[in-house]
PDB file of N, CA and C in Angstrom:
ATOM      1  N   UNK A   1     -39.288  26.284 -48.253  1.00  0.00           N
ATOM      2  CA  UNK A   1     -38.888  27.627 -47.879  1.00  0.00           C
ATOM      3  C   UNK A   1     -39.648  28.019 -46.630  1.00  0.00           C
ATOM      4  N   UNK A   2     -38.921  28.513 -45.676  1.00  0.00           N
ATOM      5  CA  UNK A   2     -39.594  28.934 -44.480  1.00  0.00           C
ATOM      6  C   UNK A   2     -38.620  29.267 -43.371  1.00  0.00           C
ATOM      7  N   UNK A   3     -39.201  29.741 -42.326  1.00  0.00           N
ATOM      8  CA  UNK A   3     -38.422  30.118 -41.164  1.00  0.00           C
ATOM      9  C   UNK A   3     -38.364  28.938 -40.200  1.00  0.00           C
ATOM     10  N   UNK A   4     -37.193  28.680 -39.652  1.00  0.00           N
ATOM     11  CA  UNK A   4     -37.010  27.615 -38.673  1.00  0.00           C
ATOM     12  C   UNK A   4     -36.333  28.194 -37.443  1.00  0.00           C
ATOM     13  N   UNK A   5     -36.768  27.691 -36.308  1.00  0.00           N
ATOM     14  CA  UNK A   5     -36.162  28.146 -35.060  1.00  0.00           C
ATOM     15  C   UNK A   5     -35.087  27.158 -34.649  1.00  0.00           C
ATOM     16  N   UNK A   6     -33.899  27.696 -34.402  1.00  0.00           N
ATOM     17  CA  UNK A   6     -32.783  26.902 -33.891  1.00  0.00           C
ATOM     18  C   UNK A   6     -32.285  27.600 -32.632  1.00  0.00           C
ATOM     19  N   UNK A   7     -32.559  26.956 -31.536  1.00  0.00           N
ATOM     20  CA  UNK A   7     -32.253  27.615 -30.262  1.00  0.00           C
ATOM     21  C   UNK A   7     -33.241  28.746 -30.056  1.00  0.00           C
ATOM     22  N   UNK A   8     -32.714  29.929 -29.784  1.00  0.00           N
ATOM     23  CA  UNK A   8     -33.597  31.080 -29.570  1.00  0.00           C
ATOM     24  C   UNK A   8     -33.676  31.984 -30.796  1.00  0.00           C
ATOM     25  N   UNK A   9     -33.075  31.571 -31.917  1.00  0.00           N
ATOM     26  CA  UNK A   9     -33.041  32.406 -33.122  1.00  0.00           C
ATOM     27  C   UNK A   9     -33.832  31.742 -34.257  1.00  0.00           C
ATOM     28  N   UNK A  10     -34.353  32.599 -35.148  1.00  0.00           N
ATOM     29  CA  UNK A  10     -35.089  32.142 -36.318  1.00  0.00           C
ATOM     30  C   UNK A  10     -34.213  32.341 -37.553  1.00  0.00           C
ATOM     31  N   UNK A  11     -34.140  31.303 -38.402  1.00  0.00           N
ATOM     32  CA  UNK A  11     -33.339  31.336 -39.616  1.00  0.00           C
ATOM     33  C   UNK A  11     -34.241  31.043 -40.812  1.00  0.00           C
ATOM     34  N   UNK A  12     -33.942  31.711 -41.919  1.00  0.00           N
ATOM     35  CA  UNK A  12     -34.701  31.445 -43.144  1.00  0.00           C
ATOM     36  C   UNK A  12     -33.978  30.365 -43.926  1.00  0.00           C
ATOM     37  N   UNK A  13     -34.708  29.287 -44.258  1.00  0.00           N
ATOM     38  CA  UNK A  13     -34.146  28.136 -44.960  1.00  0.00           C
ATOM     39  C   UNK A  13     -34.797  28.025 -46.334  1.00  0.00           C
ATOM     40  N   UNK A  14     -33.969  27.931 -47.359  1.00  0.00           N
ATOM     41  CA  UNK A  14     -34.450  27.712 -48.719  1.00  0.00           C
ATOM     42  C   UNK A  14     -34.294  26.236 -49.046  1.00  0.00           C
ATOM     43  N   UNK A  15     -35.333  25.654 -49.649  1.00  0.00           N
ATOM     44  CA  UNK A  15     -35.284  24.254 -50.063  1.00  0.00           C
ATOM     45  C   UNK A  15     -35.438  24.193 -51.579  1.00  0.00           C
ATOM     46  N   UNK A  16     -34.604  23.417 -52.220  1.00  0.00           N
ATOM     47  CA  UNK A  16     -34.684  23.245 -53.667  1.00  0.00           C
ATOM     48  C   UNK A  16     -34.064  21.912 -54.037  1.00  0.00           C
ATOM     49  N   UNK A  17     -34.126  21.575 -55.316  1.00  0.00           N
ATOM     50  CA  UNK A  17     -33.603  20.293 -55.794  1.00  0.00           C
ATOM     51  C   UNK A  17     -32.396  20.527 -56.700  1.00  0.00           C
ATOM     52  N   UNK A  18     -31.405  19.650 -56.547  1.00  0.00           N
ATOM     53  CA  UNK A  18     -30.244  19.642 -57.409  1.00  0.00           C
ATOM     54  C   UNK A  18     -30.081  18.209 -57.899  1.00  0.00           C
ATOM     55  N   UNK A  19     -30.226  18.015 -59.207  1.00  0.00           N
ATOM     56  CA  UNK A  19     -30.141  16.671 -59.807  1.00  0.00           C
ATOM     57  C   UNK A  19     -31.080  15.680 -59.128  1.00  0.00           C
ATOM     58  N   UNK A  20     -32.296  16.127 -58.796  1.00  0.00           N
ATOM     59  CA  UNK A  20     -33.294  15.259 -58.189  1.00  0.00           C
ATOM     60  C   UNK A  20     -33.134  15.072 -56.689  1.00  0.00           C
ATOM     61  N   UNK A  21     -32.104  15.633 -56.110  1.00  0.00           N
ATOM     62  CA  UNK A  21     -31.860  15.483 -54.673  1.00  0.00           C
ATOM     63  C   UNK A  21     -32.291  16.754 -53.946  1.00  0.00           C
ATOM     64  N   UNK A  22     -32.948  16.600 -52.812  1.00  0.00           N
ATOM     65  CA  UNK A  22     -33.407  17.760 -52.051  1.00  0.00           C
ATOM     66  C   UNK A  22     -32.231  18.379 -51.303  1.00  0.00           C
ATOM     67  N   UNK A  23     -32.145  19.712 -51.396  1.00  0.00           N
ATOM     68  CA  UNK A  23     -31.059  20.447 -50.759  1.00  0.00           C
ATOM     69  C   UNK A  23     -31.662  21.566 -49.920  1.00  0.00           C
ATOM     70  N   UNK A  24     -31.097  21.786 -48.741  1.00  0.00           N
ATOM     71  CA  UNK A  24     -31.519  22.893 -47.879  1.00  0.00           C
ATOM     72  C   UNK A  24     -30.352  23.845 -47.733  1.00  0.00           C
ATOM     73  N   UNK A  25     -30.680  25.137 -47.811  1.00  0.00           N
ATOM     74  CA  UNK A  25     -29.631  26.142 -47.676  1.00  0.00           C
ATOM     75  C   UNK A  25     -30.126  27.236 -46.736  1.00  0.00           C
ATOM     76  N   UNK A  26     -29.348  27.514 -45.735  1.00  0.00           N
ATOM     77  CA  UNK A  26     -29.714  28.555 -44.785  1.00  0.00           C
ATOM     78  C   UNK A  26     -29.339  29.913 -45.350  1.00  0.00           C
ATOM     79  N   UNK A  27     -30.269  30.857 -45.274  1.00  0.00           N
ATOM     80  CA  UNK A  27     -30.015  32.220 -45.758  1.00  0.00           C
ATOM     81  C   UNK A  27     -29.713  33.166 -44.601  1.00  0.00           C
ATOM     82  N   UNK A  28     -29.593  32.630 -43.416  1.00  0.00           N
ATOM     83  CA  UNK A  28     -29.248  33.453 -42.268  1.00  0.00           C
ATOM     84  C   UNK A  28     -30.470  33.918 -41.505  1.00  0.00           C
ATOM     85  N   UNK A  29     -30.233  34.948 -40.653  1.00  0.00           N
ATOM     86  CA  UNK A  29     -31.326  35.414 -39.818  1.00  0.00           C
ATOM     87  C   UNK A  29     -31.449  36.923 -39.771  1.00  0.00           C
ATOM     88  N   UNK A  30     -30.671  37.624 -40.531  1.00  0.00           N
ATOM     89  CA  UNK A  30     -30.689  39.081 -40.474  1.00  0.00           C
ATOM     90  C   UNK A  30     -31.536  39.703 -41.561  1.00  0.00           C
ATOM     91  N   UNK A  31     -31.145  40.919 -41.919  1.00  0.00           N
ATOM     92  CA  UNK A  31     -31.862  41.687 -42.929  1.00  0.00           C
ATOM     93  C   UNK A  31     -31.831  40.977 -44.287  1.00  0.00           C
ATOM     94  N   UNK A  32     -30.701  40.355 -44.614  1.00  0.00           N
ATOM     95  CA  UNK A  32     -30.591  39.635 -45.887  1.00  0.00           C
ATOM     96  C   UNK A  32     -31.602  38.491 -45.943  1.00  0.00           C
ATOM     97  N   UNK A  33     -31.792  37.785 -44.824  1.00  0.00           N
ATOM     98  CA  UNK A  33     -32.751  36.677 -44.782  1.00  0.00           C
ATOM     99  C   UNK A  33     -34.175  37.196 -44.973  1.00  0.00           C
ATOM    100  N   UNK A  34     -34.484  38.331 -44.398  1.00  0.00           N
ATOM    101  CA  UNK A  34     -35.812  38.930 -44.543  1.00  0.00           C
ATOM    102  C   UNK A  34     -36.051  39.317 -46.006  1.00  0.00           C
ATOM    103  N   UNK A  35     -35.023  39.876 -46.656  1.00  0.00           N
ATOM    104  CA  UNK A  35     -35.162  40.254 -48.057  1.00  0.00           C
ATOM    105  C   UNK A  35     -35.339  39.032 -48.953  1.00  0.00           C
ATOM    106  N   UNK A  36     -34.566  37.971 -48.681  1.00  0.00           N
ATOM    107  CA  UNK A  36     -34.699  36.735 -49.460  1.00  0.00           C
ATOM    108  C   UNK A  36     -36.091  36.145 -49.264  1.00  0.00           C
ATOM    109  N   UNK A  37     -36.610  36.178 -48.042  1.00  0.00           N
ATOM    110  CA  UNK A  37     -37.952  35.663 -47.773  1.00  0.00           C
ATOM    111  C   UNK A  37     -38.997  36.468 -48.545  1.00  0.00           C
ATOM    112  N   UNK A  38     -38.820  37.796 -48.614  1.00  0.00           N
ATOM    113  CA  UNK A  38     -39.757  38.645 -49.356  1.00  0.00           C
ATOM    114  C   UNK A  38     -39.707  38.326 -50.850  1.00  0.00           C
ATOM    115  N   UNK A  39     -38.504  38.114 -51.380  1.00  0.00           N
ATOM    116  CA  UNK A  39     -38.351  37.764 -52.801  1.00  0.00           C
ATOM    117  C   UNK A  39     -39.032  36.430 -53.085  1.00  0.00           C
ATOM    118  N   UNK A  40     -38.828  35.453 -52.205  1.00  0.00           N
ATOM    119  CA  UNK A  40     -39.450  34.136 -52.395  1.00  0.00           C
ATOM    120  C   UNK A  40     -40.972  34.228 -52.307  1.00  0.00           C
ATOM    121  N   UNK A  41     -41.486  35.031 -51.388  1.00  0.00           N
ATOM    122  CA  UNK A  41     -42.933  35.197 -51.264  1.00  0.00           C
ATOM    123  C   UNK A  41     -43.505  35.852 -52.521  1.00  0.00           C
ATOM    124  N   UNK A  42     -42.780  36.826 -53.066  1.00  0.00           N
ATOM    125  CA  UNK A  42     -43.225  37.482 -54.302  1.00  0.00           C
ATOM    126  C   UNK A  42     -43.222  36.497 -55.471  1.00  0.00           C
ATOM    127  N   UNK A  43     -42.196  35.650 -55.533  1.00  0.00           N
ATOM    128  CA  UNK A  43     -42.110  34.650 -56.594  1.00  0.00           C
ATOM    129  C   UNK A  43     -43.256  33.655 -56.485  1.00  0.00           C
ATOM    130  N   UNK A  44     -43.582  33.221 -55.257  1.00  0.00           N
ATOM    131  CA  UNK A  44     -44.705  32.297 -55.065  1.00  0.00           C
ATOM    132  C   UNK A  44     -46.025  32.941 -55.468  1.00  0.00           C
ATOM    133  N   UNK A  45     -46.202  34.216 -55.110  1.00  0.00           N
ATOM    134  CA  UNK A  45     -47.437  34.925 -55.470  1.00  0.00           C
ATOM    135  C   UNK A  45     -47.560  35.053 -56.989  1.00  0.00           C
ATOM    136  N   UNK A  46     -46.448  35.346 -57.661  1.00  0.00           N
ATOM    137  CA  UNK A  46     -46.471  35.471 -59.120  1.00  0.00           C
ATOM    138  C   UNK A  46     -46.799  34.121 -59.765  1.00  0.00           C
ATOM    139  N   UNK A  47     -46.241  33.036 -59.224  1.00  0.00           N
ATOM    140  CA  UNK A  47     -46.553  31.699 -59.743  1.00  0.00           C
ATOM    141  C   UNK A  47     -48.033  31.375 -59.566  1.00  0.00           C
ATOM    142  N   UNK A  48     -48.586  31.734 -58.415  1.00  0.00           N
ATOM    143  CA  UNK A  48     -50.008  31.473 -58.164  1.00  0.00           C
ATOM    144  C   UNK A  48     -50.880  32.288 -59.115  1.00  0.00           C
ATOM    145  N   UNK A  49     -50.488  33.531 -59.386  1.00  0.00           N
ATOM    146  CA  UNK A  49     -51.224  34.346 -60.355  1.00  0.00           C
ATOM    147  C   UNK A  49     -51.171  33.715 -61.741  1.00  0.00           C
ATOM    148  N   UNK A  50     -49.998  33.203 -62.116  1.00  0.00           N
ATOM    149  CA  UNK A  50     -49.858  32.548 -63.419  1.00  0.00           C
ATOM    150  C   UNK A  50     -50.740  31.310 -63.494  1.00  0.00           C
ATOM    151  N   UNK A  51     -50.784  30.532 -62.407  1.00  0.00           N
ATOM    152  CA  UNK A  51     -51.641  29.341 -62.386  1.00  0.00           C
ATOM    153  C   UNK A  51     -53.111  29.727 -62.509  1.00  0.00           C
ATOM    154  N   UNK A  52     -53.522  30.768 -61.792  1.00  0.00           N
ATOM    155  CA  UNK A  52     -54.918  31.216 -61.859  1.00  0.00           C
ATOM    156  C   UNK A  52     -55.253  31.700 -63.271  1.00  0.00           C
ATOM    157  N   UNK A  53     -54.329  32.417 -63.894  1.00  0.00           N
ATOM    158  CA  UNK A  53     -54.543  32.904 -65.255  1.00  0.00           C
ATOM    159  C   UNK A  53     -54.653  31.735 -66.218  1.00  0.00           C
ATOM    160  N   UNK A  54     -53.793  30.725 -66.045  1.00  0.00           N
ATOM    161  CA  UNK A  54     -53.836  29.540 -66.895  1.00  0.00           C
ATOM    162  C   UNK A  54     -55.164  28.798 -66.738  1.00  0.00           C
ATOM    163  N   UNK A  55     -55.653  28.682 -65.478  1.00  0.00           N
ATOM    164  CA  UNK A  55     -56.948  28.034 -65.255  1.00  0.00           C
ATOM    165  C   UNK A  55     -58.063  28.821 -65.926  1.00  0.00           C
ATOM    166  N   UNK A  56     -57.976  30.140 -65.867  1.00  0.00           N
ATOM    167  CA  UNK A  56     -58.973  30.999 -66.511  1.00  0.00           C
ATOM    168  C   UNK A  56     -58.967  30.794 -68.028  1.00  0.00           C
ATOM    169  N   UNK A  57     -57.761  30.717 -68.608  1.00  0.00           N
ATOM    170  CA  UNK A  57     -57.656  30.491 -70.048  1.00  0.00           C
ATOM    171  C   UNK A  57     -58.192  29.120 -70.435  1.00  0.00           C
ATOM    172  N   UNK A  58     -57.929  28.105 -69.612  1.00  0.00           N
ATOM    173  CA  UNK A  58     -58.448  26.771 -69.900  1.00  0.00           C
ATOM    174  C   UNK A  58     -59.973  26.752 -69.860  1.00  0.00           C
ATOM    175  N   UNK A  59     -60.558  27.461 -68.893  1.00  0.00           N
ATOM    176  CA  UNK A  59     -62.014  27.537 -68.812  1.00  0.00           C
ATOM    177  C   UNK A  59     -62.577  28.240 -70.045  1.00  0.00           C
ATOM    178  N   UNK A  60     -61.932  29.313 -70.455  1.00  0.00           N
ATOM    179  CA  UNK A  60     -62.351  30.041 -71.653  1.00  0.00           C
ATOM    180  C   UNK A  60     -62.200  29.157 -72.894  1.00  0.00           C
ATOM    181  N   UNK A  61     -61.112  28.406 -72.959  1.00  0.00           N
ATOM    182  CA  UNK A  61     -60.886  27.496 -74.071  1.00  0.00           C
ATOM    183  C   UNK A  61     -61.982  26.436 -74.138  1.00  0.00           C
ATOM    184  N   UNK A  62     -62.380  25.912 -72.988  1.00  0.00           N
ATOM    185  CA  UNK A  62     -63.468  24.932 -72.951  1.00  0.00           C
ATOM    186  C   UNK A  62     -64.778  25.548 -73.434  1.00  0.00           C
ATOM    187  N   UNK A  63     -65.034  26.797 -73.053  1.00  0.00           N
ATOM    188  CA  UNK A  63     -66.245  27.481 -73.519  1.00  0.00           C
ATOM    189  C   UNK A  63     -66.226  27.652 -75.038  1.00  0.00           C
ATOM    190  N   UNK A  64     -65.077  28.010 -75.578  1.00  0.00           N
ATOM    191  CA  UNK A  64     -64.962  28.195 -77.032  1.00  0.00           C
ATOM    192  C   UNK A  64     -65.168  26.863 -77.743  1.00  0.00           C
ATOM    193  N   UNK A  65     -64.578  25.776 -77.212  1.00  0.00           N
ATOM    194  CA  UNK A  65     -64.766  24.461 -77.829  1.00  0.00           C
ATOM    195  C   UNK A  65     -66.229  24.027 -77.797  1.00  0.00           C
ATOM    196  N   UNK A  66     -66.915  24.310 -76.702  1.00  0.00           N
ATOM    197  CA  UNK A  66     -68.340  23.994 -76.607  1.00  0.00           C
ATOM    198  C   UNK A  66     -69.128  24.781 -77.650  1.00  0.00           C
ATOM    199  N   UNK A  67     -68.798  26.052 -77.806  1.00  0.00           N
ATOM    200  CA  UNK A  67     -69.462  26.892 -78.805  1.00  0.00           C
ATOM    201  C   UNK A  67     -69.219  26.357 -80.212  1.00  0.00           C
ATOM    202  N   UNK A  68     -67.982  25.957 -80.498  1.00  0.00           N
ATOM    203  CA  UNK A  68     -67.652  25.426 -81.826  1.00  0.00           C
ATOM    204  C   UNK A  68     -68.441  24.151 -82.104  1.00  0.00           C
ATOM    205  N   UNK A  69     -68.555  23.274 -81.097  1.00  0.00           N
ATOM    206  CA  UNK A  69     -69.331  22.046 -81.275  1.00  0.00           C
ATOM    207  C   UNK A  69     -70.801  22.363 -81.549  1.00  0.00           C
ATOM    208  N   UNK A  70     -71.344  23.355 -80.855  1.00  0.00           N
ATOM    209  CA  UNK A  70     -72.730  23.754 -81.057  1.00  0.00           C
ATOM    210  C   UNK A  70     -72.944  24.287 -82.473  1.00  0.00           C
ATOM    211  N   UNK A  71     -72.042  25.154 -82.921  1.00  0.00           N
ATOM    212  CA  UNK A  71     -72.148  25.707 -84.266  1.00  0.00           C
ATOM    213  C   UNK A  71     -72.024  24.592 -85.306  1.00  0.00           C
ATOM    214  N   UNK A  72     -71.139  23.633 -85.074  1.00  0.00           N
ATOM    215  CA  UNK A  72     -70.981  22.509 -85.993  1.00  0.00           C
ATOM    216  C   UNK A  72     -72.267  21.687 -86.083  1.00  0.00           C
ATOM    217  N   UNK A  73     -72.896  21.442 -84.936  1.00  0.00           N
ATOM    218  CA  UNK A  73     -74.171  20.710 -84.937  1.00  0.00           C
ATOM    219  C   UNK A  73     -75.255  21.473 -85.689  1.00  0.00           C
ATOM    220  N   UNK A  74     -75.319  22.778 -85.474  1.00  0.00           N
ATOM    221  CA  UNK A  74     -76.312  23.593 -86.186  1.00  0.00           C
ATOM    222  C   UNK A  74     -76.057  23.574 -87.686  1.00  0.00           C
ATOM    223  N   UNK A  75     -74.792  23.628 -88.079  1.00  0.00           N
ATOM    224  CA  UNK A  75     -74.434  23.581 -89.486  1.00  0.00           C
ATOM    225  C   UNK A  75     -74.811  22.237 -90.100  1.00  0.00           C
ATOM    226  N   UNK A  76     -74.563  21.150 -89.381  1.00  0.00           N
ATOM    227  CA  UNK A  76     -74.944  19.819 -89.865  1.00  0.00           C
ATOM    228  C   UNK A  76     -76.463  19.731 -90.047  1.00  0.00           C
ATOM    229  N   UNK A  77     -77.203  20.234 -89.077  1.00  0.00           N
ATOM    230  CA  UNK A  77     -78.670  20.200 -89.165  1.00  0.00           C
ATOM    231  C   UNK A  77     -79.152  21.008 -90.372  1.00  0.00           C
ATOM    232  N   UNK A  78     -78.550  22.171 -90.577  1.00  0.00           N
ATOM    233  CA  UNK A  78     -78.933  23.011 -91.702  1.00  0.00           C
ATOM    234  C   UNK A  78     -78.673  22.292 -93.032  1.00  0.00           C
ATOM    235  N   UNK A  79     -77.503  21.690 -93.177  1.00  0.00           N
ATOM    236  CA  UNK A  79     -77.183  20.970 -94.408  1.00  0.00           C
ATOM    237  C   UNK A  79     -78.125  19.787 -94.631  1.00  0.00           C
ATOM    238  N   UNK A  80     -78.416  19.038 -93.571  1.00  0.00           N
ATOM    239  CA  UNK A  80     -79.308  17.889 -93.714  1.00  0.00           C
ATOM    240  C   UNK A  80     -80.706  18.331 -94.148  1.00  0.00           C
ATOM    241  N   UNK A  81     -81.193  19.411 -93.576  1.00  0.00           N
ATOM    242  CA  UNK A  81     -82.514  19.916 -93.958  1.00  0.00           C
ATOM    243  C   UNK A  81     -82.516  20.474 -95.375  1.00  0.00           C
ATOM    244  N   UNK A  82     -81.371  20.940 -95.850  1.00  0.00           N
ATOM    245  CA  UNK A  82     -81.278  21.491 -97.201  1.00  0.00           C
ATOM    246  C   UNK A  82     -81.061  20.403 -98.242  1.00  0.00           C
ATOM    247  N   UNK A  83     -80.962  19.128 -97.804  1.00  0.00           N
ATOM    248  CA  UNK A  83     -80.847  18.032 -98.756  1.00  0.00           C
ATOM    249  C   UNK A  83     -79.421  17.587 -99.035  1.00  0.00           C
ATOM    250  N   UNK A  84     -78.500  17.927 -98.211  1.00  0.00           N
ATOM    251  CA  UNK A  84     -77.120  17.510 -98.397  1.00  0.00           C
ATOM    252  C   UNK A  84     -76.809  16.292 -97.525  1.00  0.00           C
ATOM    253  N   UNK A  85     -75.761  15.580 -97.877  1.00  0.00           N
ATOM    254  CA  UNK A  85     -75.260  14.495 -97.031  1.00  0.00           C
ATOM    255  C   UNK A  85     -73.739  14.609 -96.946  1.00  0.00           C
ATOM    256  N   UNK A  86     -73.190  13.987 -95.942  1.00  0.00           N
ATOM    257  CA  UNK A  86     -71.750  14.069 -95.756  1.00  0.00           C
ATOM    258  C   UNK A  86     -71.121  12.821 -96.379  1.00  0.00           C
ATOM    259  N   UNK A  87     -70.335  13.034 -97.399  1.00  0.00           N
ATOM    260  CA  UNK A  87     -69.731  11.939 -98.158  1.00  0.00           C
ATOM    261  C   UNK A  87     -68.480  11.432 -97.443  1.00  0.00           C
ATOM    262  N   UNK A  88     -68.536  10.192 -96.962  1.00  0.00           N
ATOM    263  CA  UNK A  88     -67.400   9.564 -96.272  1.00  0.00           C
ATOM    264  C   UNK A  88     -66.822  10.456 -95.172  1.00  0.00           C
ATOM    265  N   UNK A  89     -67.692  11.071 -94.424  1.00  0.00           N
ATOM    266  CA  UNK A  89     -67.319  11.928 -93.276  1.00  0.00           C
ATOM    267  C   UNK A  89     -66.392  13.084 -93.650  1.00  0.00           C
ATOM    268  N   UNK A  90     -66.466  13.513 -94.889  1.00  0.00           N
ATOM    269  CA  UNK A  90     -65.607  14.631 -95.267  1.00  0.00           C
ATOM    270  C   UNK A  90     -66.457  15.770 -95.809  1.00  0.00           C
ATOM    271  N   UNK A  91     -66.562  15.886 -97.113  1.00  0.00           N
ATOM    272  CA  UNK A  91     -67.259  17.042 -97.673  1.00  0.00           C
ATOM    273  C   UNK A  91     -68.761  16.796 -97.765  1.00  0.00           C
ATOM    274  N   UNK A  92     -69.509  17.902 -97.772  1.00  0.00           N
ATOM    275  CA  UNK A  92     -70.962  17.835 -97.909  1.00  0.00           C
ATOM    276  C   UNK A  92     -71.303  17.857 -99.392  1.00  0.00           C
ATOM    277  N   UNK A  93     -72.219  16.942 -99.810  1.00  0.00           N
ATOM    278  CA  UNK A  93     -72.644  16.872-101.199  1.00  0.00           C
ATOM    279  C   UNK A  93     -74.154  16.917-101.284  1.00  0.00           C
ATOM    280  N   UNK A  94     -74.647  17.530-102.359  1.00  0.00           N
ATOM    281  CA  UNK A  94     -76.080  17.609-102.588  1.00  0.00           C
ATOM    282  C   UNK A  94     -76.561  16.225-102.986  1.00  0.00           C
ATOM    283  N   UNK A  95     -77.660  15.781-102.362  1.00  0.00           N
ATOM    284  CA  UNK A  95     -78.214  14.463-102.645  1.00  0.00           C
ATOM    285  C   UNK A  95     -79.192  14.618-103.812  1.00  0.00           C
ATOM    286  N   UNK A  96     -78.961  13.853-104.874  1.00  0.00           N
ATOM    287  CA  UNK A  96     -79.834  13.902-106.056  1.00  0.00           C
ATOM    288  C   UNK A  96     -80.566  12.584-106.194  1.00  0.00           C
ATOM    289  N   UNK A  97     -81.783  12.646-106.618  1.00  0.00           N
ATOM    290  CA  UNK A  97     -82.563  11.449-106.864  1.00  0.00           C
ATOM    291  C   UNK A  97     -83.103  10.835-105.590  1.00  0.00           C
ATOM    292  N   UNK A  98     -83.796   9.700-105.714  1.00  0.00           N
ATOM    293  CA  UNK A  98     -84.378   9.054-104.536  1.00  0.00           C
ATOM    294  C   UNK A  98     -83.295   8.458-103.625  1.00  0.00           C
ATOM    295  N   UNK A  99     -83.615   8.426-102.348  1.00  0.00           N
ATOM    296  CA  UNK A  99     -82.644   7.937-101.358  1.00  0.00           C
ATOM    297  C   UNK A  99     -82.825   6.479-101.117  1.00  0.00           C
TER     298      UNK A  99
END
């Protein structure tokens, strides 16, 4: 998407794909072309905002996963100090008798 000069005039060209093939379509050079360019710029800005928001959520998700791993480690340490063991990597059981 962008403006191209042909001769002494500038035309707004839209580029998109149809069935995997690249297609170019001229939107003209008048007021309609300016409006289409504004709509496309707004759409690009909205997409960039969505990408930034998604990156922010991924960073937050990574922080939450790190916190969960930390809490899990603390819980394991607490159980081990309290005399429990993890039976076949599943449930925690109280250890009785000599080890």
